[in-house]
């Protein structure tokens, strides 16, 4: 089965990283050196988002494999 033309998880990952980068740059511009702790918080949120998206992708891939093997087993039985 070919992958879908538009991958929502990939778009979410790219969008979240872009927003995080823009937020980090904006914080530096507005707050100067006082932005360091907030930039760390944004970076941590970016990492948590990326890991969550990776886990969802892994779960969906494993679920699709399980369904595919079940479908193959059903065809072998019939």
Protein backbone atom coordinates (compact mmCIF):
# COMPACT_ATOMS: atom_id res chain seq x y z
CA UNK A 1 0.00 0.00 0.00
CA UNK A 2 1.58 3.33 -1.04
CA UNK A 3 1.94 6.07 1.55
CA UNK A 4 -0.66 8.83 1.47
CA UNK A 5 0.14 11.95 -0.54
CA UNK A 6 -0.32 14.21 2.49
CA UNK A 7 1.04 13.01 5.81
CA UNK A 8 -0.63 14.86 8.71
CA UNK A 9 2.02 13.79 11.21
CA UNK A 10 4.84 15.05 9.01
CA UNK A 11 3.06 18.38 8.53
CA UNK A 12 2.51 18.62 12.29
CA UNK A 13 6.18 17.88 12.96
CA UNK A 14 7.40 20.47 10.47
CA UNK A 15 4.92 23.06 11.69
CA UNK A 16 5.76 22.58 15.36
CA UNK A 17 9.49 22.84 14.70
CA UNK A 18 9.01 25.97 12.60
CA UNK A 19 6.87 27.60 15.28
CA UNK A 20 9.42 26.68 17.94
CA UNK A 21 12.29 28.16 15.94
CA UNK A 22 10.36 31.36 15.29
CA UNK A 23 9.47 31.59 18.98
CA UNK A 24 13.10 31.11 20.05
CA UNK A 25 14.30 33.82 17.67
CA UNK A 26 11.50 36.17 18.72
CA UNK A 27 12.26 35.66 22.41
CA UNK A 28 15.93 36.48 21.79
CA UNK A 29 15.01 39.60 19.83
CA UNK A 30 12.50 40.90 22.37
CA UNK A 31 14.03 39.87 25.69
CA UNK A 32 17.76 39.68 24.96
CA UNK A 33 19.72 37.58 27.47
CA UNK A 34 16.68 37.24 29.76
CA UNK A 35 15.16 34.93 27.15
CA UNK A 36 17.53 32.03 27.90
CA UNK A 37 15.29 30.14 30.35
CA UNK A 38 12.25 30.58 28.11
CA UNK A 39 14.22 29.38 25.11
CA UNK A 40 15.06 26.26 27.10
CA UNK A 41 11.38 25.71 27.81
CA UNK A 42 10.54 26.12 24.12
CA UNK A 43 13.32 23.70 23.15
CA UNK A 44 12.05 21.14 25.67
CA UNK A 45 8.52 21.50 24.29
CA UNK A 46 9.87 21.02 20.76
CA UNK A 47 11.67 17.83 21.81
CA UNK A 48 8.62 16.46 23.62
CA UNK A 49 6.46 17.19 20.57
CA UNK A 50 8.94 15.48 18.26
CA UNK A 51 9.14 12.40 20.48
CA UNK A 52 5.35 12.21 20.75
CA UNK A 53 4.96 12.42 16.99
CA UNK A 54 7.61 9.72 16.54
CA UNK A 55 5.79 7.43 18.98
CA UNK A 56 2.45 7.99 17.24
CA UNK A 57 4.08 7.24 13.89
CA UNK A 58 5.61 4.04 15.28
CA UNK A 59 2.27 2.97 16.78
CA UNK A 60 0.44 3.56 13.50
CA UNK A 61 3.09 1.69 11.52
CA UNK A 62 2.94 -1.30 13.86
CA UNK A 63 -0.86 -1.28 13.78
CA UNK A 64 -0.81 -1.25 9.97
CA UNK A 65 1.67 -4.17 9.95
CA UNK A 66 -0.53 -6.13 12.34
CA UNK A 67 -3.60 -5.55 10.18
CA UNK A 68 -1.64 -6.51 7.07
CA UNK A 69 -0.44 -9.80 8.58
CA UNK A 70 -3.96 -10.56 9.81
CA UNK A 71 -5.27 -9.93 6.31
CA UNK A 72 -2.61 -12.24 4.84
CA UNK A 73 -3.42 -14.94 7.40
CA UNK A 74 -7.13 -14.67 6.56
CA UNK A 75 -6.37 -15.06 2.86
CA UNK A 76 -4.20 -18.14 3.53
CA UNK A 77 -6.98 -19.78 5.53
CA UNK A 78 -9.63 -19.19 2.87
